[in-house]
Amino acid sequence: FPADMFPNEEGGPEPDWVITEREQFSDFRDLNKDGKMDKEEIQRWILPQDYDHALAEARHLVYESDVDKDQKLTKEEVLNNWNMFVGSQATNYGEDLTRNHDEL
C-alpha cells in the first residue's frame, strides 16, 4: 500500500508517513505476521470494534488546530484552521459551525 502512494523510484529516503505506515502495518494490522492482510485483518482495520470514530475525529481536530497546546480551541484557532473543520464529519461538514455555541 505505501508503495502505491509513494513509489520510491529514485531510491532516496522514505518520508516519515511511509515509515509510519510500515510500522502500523507490522505492529497493528498484520496480526498473524504473514506479511499480508487477510479478510479478517482487513475487517478489523476498517471496522474496529473498540474504536470510537467521533472521539478520534474530535481529538484529531483539537490536535491539528490547538496551536498553543492548551487542549482548548479558541475561535481564532478554529478560524485559522477552518478547512479542517468544514471537511470533518464531526462538524457535519461545517454545518454545525454556522450555529451559535455558548462554548465559543
N, C-alpha and C. Protein backbone atom coordinates (compact mmCIF):
# COMPACT_ATOMS: atom_id res chain seq x y z
N PHE A 1 0.81 -1.20 0.00
CA PHE A 1 0.00 0.00 0.00
C PHE A 1 0.85 1.27 0.00
N PRO A 2 1.84 1.45 0.89
CA PRO A 2 2.66 2.67 0.82
C PRO A 2 3.39 2.80 -0.52
N ALA A 3 3.79 1.69 -1.10
CA ALA A 3 4.48 1.75 -2.39
C ALA A 3 3.58 2.28 -3.49
N ASP A 4 2.26 2.04 -3.38
CA ASP A 4 1.32 2.59 -4.36
C ASP A 4 1.20 4.10 -4.22
N MET A 5 1.28 4.59 -2.99
CA MET A 5 1.15 6.02 -2.72
C MET A 5 2.48 6.76 -2.91
N PHE A 6 3.59 6.09 -2.69
CA PHE A 6 4.90 6.70 -2.79
C PHE A 6 5.87 5.71 -3.44
N PRO A 7 5.84 5.64 -4.77
CA PRO A 7 6.80 4.74 -5.44
C PRO A 7 8.20 5.35 -5.38
N ASN A 8 9.03 4.82 -4.54
CA ASN A 8 10.37 5.36 -4.33
C ASN A 8 11.31 4.92 -5.46
N GLU A 9 11.08 5.50 -6.63
CA GLU A 9 11.84 5.11 -7.81
C GLU A 9 13.26 5.65 -7.80
N GLU A 10 13.48 6.74 -7.07
CA GLU A 10 14.80 7.35 -7.03
C GLU A 10 15.70 6.73 -5.97
N GLY A 11 15.14 5.90 -5.11
CA GLY A 11 15.93 5.23 -4.09
C GLY A 11 16.33 6.10 -2.92
N GLY A 12 15.74 7.28 -2.82
CA GLY A 12 16.05 8.18 -1.71
C GLY A 12 15.37 7.75 -0.43
N PRO A 13 15.53 8.57 0.60
CA PRO A 13 14.89 8.23 1.88
C PRO A 13 13.36 8.32 1.79
N GLU A 14 12.71 7.45 2.54
CA GLU A 14 11.26 7.45 2.56
C GLU A 14 10.77 8.57 3.48
N PRO A 15 9.64 9.19 3.13
CA PRO A 15 9.07 10.19 4.03
C PRO A 15 8.60 9.55 5.33
N ASP A 16 8.44 10.36 6.35
CA ASP A 16 8.01 9.86 7.66
C ASP A 16 6.70 9.11 7.59
N TRP A 17 5.75 9.59 6.77
CA TRP A 17 4.44 8.93 6.72
C TRP A 17 4.54 7.52 6.18
N VAL A 18 5.49 7.26 5.27
CA VAL A 18 5.67 5.91 4.73
C VAL A 18 6.23 5.00 5.82
N ILE A 19 7.20 5.51 6.55
CA ILE A 19 7.79 4.74 7.65
C ILE A 19 6.72 4.42 8.69
N THR A 20 5.89 5.40 9.01
CA THR A 20 4.81 5.20 9.97
C THR A 20 3.82 4.16 9.48
N GLU A 21 3.45 4.22 8.21
CA GLU A 21 2.52 3.23 7.65
C GLU A 21 3.10 1.82 7.71
N ARG A 22 4.38 1.67 7.42
CA ARG A 22 5.02 0.35 7.51
C ARG A 22 4.97 -0.18 8.95
N GLU A 23 5.24 0.72 9.91
CA GLU A 23 5.20 0.32 11.33
C GLU A 23 3.78 -0.06 11.74
N GLN A 24 2.79 0.74 11.30
CA GLN A 24 1.40 0.44 11.62
C GLN A 24 1.00 -0.93 11.06
N PHE A 25 1.44 -1.20 9.85
CA PHE A 25 1.13 -2.48 9.23
C PHE A 25 1.71 -3.63 10.04
N SER A 26 3.00 -3.55 10.33
CA SER A 26 3.65 -4.67 11.00
C SER A 26 3.23 -4.81 12.47
N ASP A 27 2.95 -3.68 13.13
CA ASP A 27 2.63 -3.73 14.56
C ASP A 27 1.15 -3.97 14.85
N PHE A 28 0.25 -3.45 13.98
CA PHE A 28 -1.17 -3.48 14.33
C PHE A 28 -2.08 -4.13 13.30
N ARG A 29 -1.72 -4.11 12.03
CA ARG A 29 -2.64 -4.61 11.01
C ARG A 29 -2.39 -6.06 10.63
N ASP A 30 -1.13 -6.44 10.50
CA ASP A 30 -0.80 -7.82 10.13
C ASP A 30 -0.72 -8.66 11.39
N LEU A 31 -1.88 -9.01 11.91
CA LEU A 31 -1.96 -9.68 13.21
C LEU A 31 -1.30 -11.05 13.23
N ASN A 32 -1.38 -11.79 12.13
CA ASN A 32 -0.77 -13.12 12.11
C ASN A 32 0.67 -13.10 11.55
N LYS A 33 1.17 -11.93 11.26
CA LYS A 33 2.57 -11.69 10.85
C LYS A 33 2.98 -12.50 9.62
N ASP A 34 2.05 -12.60 8.65
CA ASP A 34 2.38 -13.32 7.42
C ASP A 34 2.76 -12.39 6.27
N GLY A 35 2.84 -11.08 6.56
CA GLY A 35 3.27 -10.12 5.54
C GLY A 35 2.16 -9.61 4.64
N LYS A 36 0.94 -10.04 4.87
CA LYS A 36 -0.20 -9.56 4.08
C LYS A 36 -1.43 -9.56 4.98
N MET A 37 -2.45 -8.85 4.53
CA MET A 37 -3.67 -8.76 5.32
C MET A 37 -4.73 -9.68 4.74
N ASP A 38 -5.24 -10.58 5.59
CA ASP A 38 -6.32 -11.45 5.15
C ASP A 38 -7.66 -10.74 5.41
N LYS A 39 -8.75 -11.41 5.08
CA LYS A 39 -10.08 -10.82 5.18
C LYS A 39 -10.39 -10.34 6.61
N GLU A 40 -10.07 -11.16 7.60
CA GLU A 40 -10.34 -10.80 8.99
C GLU A 40 -9.52 -9.58 9.43
N GLU A 41 -8.26 -9.52 9.03
CA GLU A 41 -7.42 -8.39 9.39
C GLU A 41 -7.92 -7.10 8.74
N ILE A 42 -8.37 -7.20 7.51
CA ILE A 42 -8.92 -6.03 6.82
C ILE A 42 -10.19 -5.57 7.51
N GLN A 43 -11.04 -6.51 7.87
CA GLN A 43 -12.28 -6.16 8.56
C GLN A 43 -11.99 -5.46 9.88
N ARG A 44 -11.06 -5.97 10.66
CA ARG A 44 -10.70 -5.34 11.94
C ARG A 44 -10.10 -3.95 11.73
N TRP A 45 -9.38 -3.76 10.63
CA TRP A 45 -8.77 -2.47 10.32
C TRP A 45 -9.84 -1.45 9.92
N ILE A 46 -10.76 -1.86 9.06
CA ILE A 46 -11.77 -0.93 8.55
C ILE A 46 -12.88 -0.67 9.57
N LEU A 47 -13.31 -1.71 10.28
CA LEU A 47 -14.39 -1.58 11.26
C LEU A 47 -13.95 -2.10 12.63
N PRO A 48 -13.01 -1.42 13.28
CA PRO A 48 -12.57 -1.90 14.59
C PRO A 48 -13.72 -1.83 15.60
N GLN A 49 -13.81 -2.85 16.42
CA GLN A 49 -14.92 -2.93 17.37
C GLN A 49 -14.73 -2.03 18.58
N ASP A 50 -13.52 -1.72 18.93
CA ASP A 50 -13.26 -0.93 20.14
C ASP A 50 -12.79 0.49 19.80
N TYR A 51 -13.26 1.04 18.69
CA TYR A 51 -12.78 2.34 18.22
C TYR A 51 -13.95 3.31 18.15
N ASP A 52 -13.82 4.45 18.80
CA ASP A 52 -14.84 5.48 18.81
C ASP A 52 -14.47 6.52 17.75
N HIS A 53 -15.13 6.45 16.61
CA HIS A 53 -14.80 7.33 15.49
C HIS A 53 -15.00 8.81 15.83
N ALA A 54 -16.08 9.14 16.52
CA ALA A 54 -16.35 10.53 16.86
C ALA A 54 -15.26 11.09 17.79
N LEU A 55 -14.89 10.31 18.78
CA LEU A 55 -13.85 10.74 19.71
C LEU A 55 -12.52 10.90 18.99
N ALA A 56 -12.19 9.97 18.11
CA ALA A 56 -10.93 10.06 17.36
C ALA A 56 -10.91 11.30 16.46
N GLU A 57 -12.02 11.60 15.81
CA GLU A 57 -12.09 12.78 14.94
C GLU A 57 -11.99 14.05 15.77
N ALA A 58 -12.66 14.09 16.91
CA ALA A 58 -12.57 15.27 17.78
C ALA A 58 -11.14 15.48 18.26
N ARG A 59 -10.48 14.42 18.68
CA ARG A 59 -9.07 14.53 19.11
C ARG A 59 -8.18 15.01 17.97
N HIS A 60 -8.46 14.51 16.78
CA HIS A 60 -7.68 14.92 15.61
C HIS A 60 -7.86 16.42 15.34
N LEU A 61 -9.09 16.90 15.40
CA LEU A 61 -9.35 18.32 15.16
C LEU A 61 -8.65 19.19 16.19
N VAL A 62 -8.72 18.79 17.46
CA VAL A 62 -8.05 19.56 18.51
C VAL A 62 -6.54 19.51 18.32
N TYR A 63 -6.00 18.34 18.06
CA TYR A 63 -4.55 18.20 17.88
C TYR A 63 -4.04 19.08 16.75
N GLU A 64 -4.74 19.08 15.63
CA GLU A 64 -4.30 19.83 14.46
C GLU A 64 -4.51 21.33 14.59
N SER A 65 -5.47 21.76 15.41
CA SER A 65 -5.84 23.17 15.47
C SER A 65 -5.38 23.90 16.73
N ASP A 66 -5.08 23.19 17.78
CA ASP A 66 -4.72 23.79 19.07
C ASP A 66 -3.27 24.26 19.05
N VAL A 67 -3.05 25.45 18.54
CA VAL A 67 -1.70 25.98 18.33
C VAL A 67 -0.93 26.10 19.64
N ASP A 68 -1.59 26.59 20.69
CA ASP A 68 -0.88 26.78 21.96
C ASP A 68 -0.89 25.53 22.85
N LYS A 69 -1.48 24.44 22.35
CA LYS A 69 -1.48 23.13 23.02
C LYS A 69 -2.02 23.19 24.45
N ASP A 70 -3.09 24.00 24.65
CA ASP A 70 -3.72 24.06 25.96
C ASP A 70 -4.96 23.17 26.06
N GLN A 71 -5.19 22.33 25.04
CA GLN A 71 -6.33 21.41 24.98
C GLN A 71 -7.67 22.13 24.90
N LYS A 72 -7.64 23.40 24.51
CA LYS A 72 -8.86 24.19 24.30
C LYS A 72 -8.72 24.91 22.97
N LEU A 73 -9.82 24.98 22.26
CA LEU A 73 -9.80 25.69 20.98
C LEU A 73 -10.44 27.06 21.13
N THR A 74 -9.72 28.07 20.71
CA THR A 74 -10.29 29.41 20.68
C THR A 74 -10.97 29.60 19.32
N LYS A 75 -11.78 30.61 19.25
CA LYS A 75 -12.44 30.93 17.98
C LYS A 75 -11.38 31.17 16.90
N GLU A 76 -10.32 31.85 17.27
CA GLU A 76 -9.24 32.15 16.33
C GLU A 76 -8.57 30.86 15.81
N GLU A 77 -8.33 29.90 16.70
CA GLU A 77 -7.72 28.65 16.29
C GLU A 77 -8.62 27.88 15.32
N VAL A 78 -9.92 27.91 15.58
CA VAL A 78 -10.85 27.24 14.67
C VAL A 78 -10.87 27.94 13.32
N LEU A 79 -10.94 29.27 13.34
CA LEU A 79 -10.99 30.02 12.08
C LEU A 79 -9.69 29.90 11.29
N ASN A 80 -8.57 29.83 11.99
CA ASN A 80 -7.28 29.68 11.29
C ASN A 80 -7.14 28.32 10.63
N ASN A 81 -7.92 27.36 11.08
CA ASN A 81 -7.85 26.02 10.50
C ASN A 81 -9.24 25.60 10.01
N TRP A 82 -9.98 26.53 9.49
CA TRP A 82 -11.37 26.31 9.08
C TRP A 82 -11.53 25.16 8.10
N ASN A 83 -10.55 25.02 7.18
CA ASN A 83 -10.67 23.95 6.17
C ASN A 83 -10.70 22.56 6.80
N MET A 84 -10.02 22.39 7.93
CA MET A 84 -10.04 21.11 8.64
C MET A 84 -11.44 20.84 9.19
N PHE A 85 -12.08 21.88 9.71
CA PHE A 85 -13.39 21.73 10.33
C PHE A 85 -14.51 21.55 9.31
N VAL A 86 -14.46 22.29 8.21
CA VAL A 86 -15.55 22.15 7.23
C VAL A 86 -15.44 20.85 6.46
N GLY A 87 -14.30 20.20 6.52
CA GLY A 87 -14.14 18.91 5.87
C GLY A 87 -14.34 17.74 6.81
N SER A 88 -14.79 18.02 8.03
CA SER A 88 -14.90 16.98 9.04
C SER A 88 -16.34 16.52 9.26
N GLN A 89 -16.50 15.23 9.36
CA GLN A 89 -17.81 14.66 9.67
C GLN A 89 -18.24 15.09 11.08
N ALA A 90 -17.28 15.34 11.97
CA ALA A 90 -17.60 15.73 13.34
C ALA A 90 -18.34 17.05 13.41
N THR A 91 -18.15 17.91 12.42
CA THR A 91 -18.86 19.19 12.38
C THR A 91 -19.98 19.17 11.36
N ASN A 92 -20.37 17.98 10.95
CA ASN A 92 -21.40 17.83 9.92
C ASN A 92 -20.96 18.59 8.66
N TYR A 93 -19.69 18.42 8.34
CA TYR A 93 -19.05 19.06 7.18
C TYR A 93 -19.25 20.57 7.19
N GLY A 94 -19.03 21.16 8.39
CA GLY A 94 -19.06 22.61 8.54
C GLY A 94 -20.40 23.18 8.91
N GLU A 95 -21.46 22.42 8.74
CA GLU A 95 -22.80 22.94 9.02
C GLU A 95 -22.96 23.35 10.48
N ASP A 96 -22.40 22.60 11.40
CA ASP A 96 -22.53 22.91 12.82
C ASP A 96 -21.78 24.18 13.21
N LEU A 97 -20.84 24.62 12.39
CA LEU A 97 -20.07 25.82 12.70
C LEU A 97 -20.87 27.09 12.48
N THR A 98 -21.98 26.99 11.76
CA THR A 98 -22.79 28.18 11.48
C THR A 98 -23.79 28.46 12.60
N ARG A 99 -23.94 27.55 13.54
CA ARG A 99 -24.87 27.73 14.65
C ARG A 99 -24.17 28.42 15.82
N ASN A 100 -24.92 29.15 16.62
CA ASN A 100 -24.37 29.79 17.81
C ASN A 100 -24.07 28.72 18.87
N HIS A 101 -22.91 28.85 19.47
CA HIS A 101 -22.50 27.91 20.52
C HIS A 101 -22.02 28.70 21.72
N ASP A 102 -22.52 28.36 22.89
CA ASP A 102 -22.10 29.03 24.12
C ASP A 102 -20.62 28.80 24.40
N GLU A 103 -20.12 27.60 24.04
CA GLU A 103 -18.73 27.28 24.36
C GLU A 103 -17.74 28.06 23.53
N LEU A 104 -18.18 28.72 22.46
CA LEU A 104 -17.28 29.56 21.67
C LEU A 104 -17.34 30.96 22.22
